[in-house]
Amino acid sequence: AIIGTSKLNKEIRHRSSWERNVFELLDKDDNILTYINEPFLIEYYFEMNKHRYIPDLLITYKDEIQKLVEIKPEYLVNADKNQCKFHAAQEYCTNKGLIFEVWTEKDIDKMSLS
């Protein structure tokens, strides 16, 4: 599905209602300068095979901090394949000076309440 964003002044594709909710929250957050959905590929290995992973968001805050975010249902966070993806994303972020976070529905619900 597609959602229009005021902060980005364009329409972007979302793959879940959680992603849609996050885009709406980011649009309203005055501390966020901009965000990019599915910003780039990160290669990782799972079961001895090379794979490519596209994180959900790259958020740039007004204080110039950048966060790479994966939105994932809590019940999938600990799956072996996802843990491999997250490890590769964390390593990428460490090398690039970014923060990596996984946001679940519980995190998104807390953001919605604040």
Protein backbone atom coordinates (compact mmCIF):
# COMPACT_ATOMS: atom_id res chain seq x y z
CA ALA A 1 0.00 0.00 0.00
CA ILE A 2 1.03 3.63 -0.43
CA ILE A 3 0.88 6.53 2.02
CA GLY A 4 1.40 10.23 1.39
CA THR A 5 3.94 11.93 3.65
CA SER A 6 4.06 15.61 4.53
CA LYS A 7 7.68 15.59 5.70
CA LEU A 8 8.94 13.97 2.49
CA ASN A 9 6.29 15.58 0.29
CA LYS A 10 5.81 12.35 -1.66
CA GLU A 11 4.08 9.00 -1.53
CA ILE A 12 5.95 6.00 -0.16
CA ARG A 13 5.18 2.30 -0.10
CA HIS A 14 4.60 0.49 3.19
CA ARG A 15 4.44 -3.27 3.64
CA SER A 16 2.52 -3.40 6.93
CA SER A 17 0.19 -1.37 9.12
CA TRP A 18 3.09 -0.98 11.57
CA GLU A 19 5.24 0.64 8.88
CA ARG A 20 2.34 2.93 7.96
CA ASN A 21 1.92 3.93 11.62
CA VAL A 22 5.64 4.64 11.94
CA PHE A 23 5.66 6.82 8.80
CA GLU A 24 2.74 8.80 10.22
CA LEU A 25 4.55 9.20 13.57
CA LEU A 26 7.78 10.28 11.86
CA ASP A 27 5.88 12.88 9.84
CA LYS A 28 4.60 14.44 13.07
CA ASP A 29 7.91 14.35 15.01
CA ASP A 30 9.55 17.78 15.03
CA ASN A 31 12.92 16.25 15.99
CA ILE A 32 13.14 14.38 12.69
CA LEU A 33 14.62 16.17 9.72
CA THR A 34 13.95 13.43 7.16
CA TYR A 35 13.69 9.69 6.64
CA ILE A 36 14.16 7.27 3.78
CA ASN A 37 12.30 4.00 3.51
CA GLU A 38 14.30 1.00 2.30
CA PRO A 39 17.48 3.09 1.98
CA PHE A 40 20.06 0.50 0.81
CA LEU A 41 21.18 -3.14 0.74
CA ILE A 42 23.27 -4.87 3.38
CA GLU A 43 24.79 -8.25 2.58
CA TYR A 44 24.74 -10.99 5.20
CA TYR A 45 25.29 -14.72 5.46
CA PHE A 46 22.72 -17.22 6.61
CA GLU A 47 23.30 -20.98 6.55
CA MET A 48 26.53 -20.46 4.59
CA ASN A 49 24.79 -18.53 1.79
CA LYS A 50 25.08 -14.86 0.95
CA HIS A 51 21.84 -12.86 1.11
CA ARG A 52 20.81 -9.24 0.73
CA TYR A 53 18.78 -7.36 3.32
CA ILE A 54 17.06 -3.99 2.93
CA PRO A 55 16.39 -2.27 6.27
CA ASP A 56 13.08 -0.41 6.59
CA LEU A 57 14.20 3.12 7.48
CA LEU A 58 17.09 5.53 7.70
CA ILE A 59 16.04 8.40 9.96
CA THR A 60 17.98 11.66 10.21
CA TYR A 61 17.28 13.73 13.30
CA LYS A 62 17.72 17.50 13.54
CA ASP A 63 20.77 16.97 15.80
CA GLU A 64 22.33 15.02 12.86
CA ILE A 65 22.08 11.64 14.57
CA GLN A 66 21.10 8.94 12.10
CA LYS A 67 19.23 5.74 12.94
CA LEU A 68 18.80 2.67 10.79
CA VAL A 69 15.55 0.97 11.81
CA GLU A 70 14.01 -2.40 11.10
CA ILE A 71 10.29 -2.78 11.85
CA LYS A 72 9.54 -6.37 12.77
CA PRO A 73 6.76 -8.18 14.67
CA GLU A 74 8.09 -9.20 18.06
CA TYR A 75 7.47 -12.90 17.43
CA LEU A 76 9.91 -12.79 14.47
CA VAL A 77 12.75 -10.85 16.10
CA ASN A 78 14.58 -13.89 17.46
CA ALA A 79 14.32 -15.99 14.30
CA ASP A 80 17.81 -17.16 13.25
CA LYS A 81 17.64 -15.51 9.82
CA ASN A 82 16.53 -12.18 11.31
CA GLN A 83 19.28 -12.34 13.92
CA CYS A 84 21.81 -12.73 11.08
CA LYS A 85 20.29 -9.70 9.32
CA PHE A 86 20.37 -7.63 12.49
CA HIS A 87 23.96 -8.58 13.24
CA ALA A 88 25.00 -7.47 9.73
CA ALA A 89 23.03 -4.23 10.11
CA GLN A 90 24.63 -3.54 13.51
CA GLU A 91 28.09 -4.11 12.06
CA TYR A 92 27.28 -1.82 9.11
CA CYS A 93 26.03 0.89 11.47
CA THR A 94 29.05 0.63 13.74
CA ASN A 95 31.31 1.14 10.71
CA LYS A 96 29.26 4.11 9.43
CA GLY A 97 28.58 5.87 12.73
CA LEU A 98 24.84 5.10 12.72
CA ILE A 99 22.56 3.71 15.40
CA PHE A 100 20.72 0.47 14.63
CA GLU A 101 17.39 -0.39 16.25
CA VAL A 102 14.67 -2.98 15.75
CA TRP A 103 11.20 -1.62 16.46
CA THR A 104 8.39 -4.05 17.29
CA GLU A 105 4.68 -3.40 17.65
CA LYS A 106 5.29 -2.72 21.37
CA ASP A 107 7.80 0.04 20.54
CA ILE A 108 5.44 1.53 17.97
CA ASP A 109 2.52 1.45 20.43
CA LYS A 110 4.66 3.33 23.00
CA MET A 111 5.60 5.92 20.36
CA SER A 112 1.92 6.38 19.51
CA LEU A 113 1.03 7.08 23.15
CA SER A 114 3.69 9.75 23.67
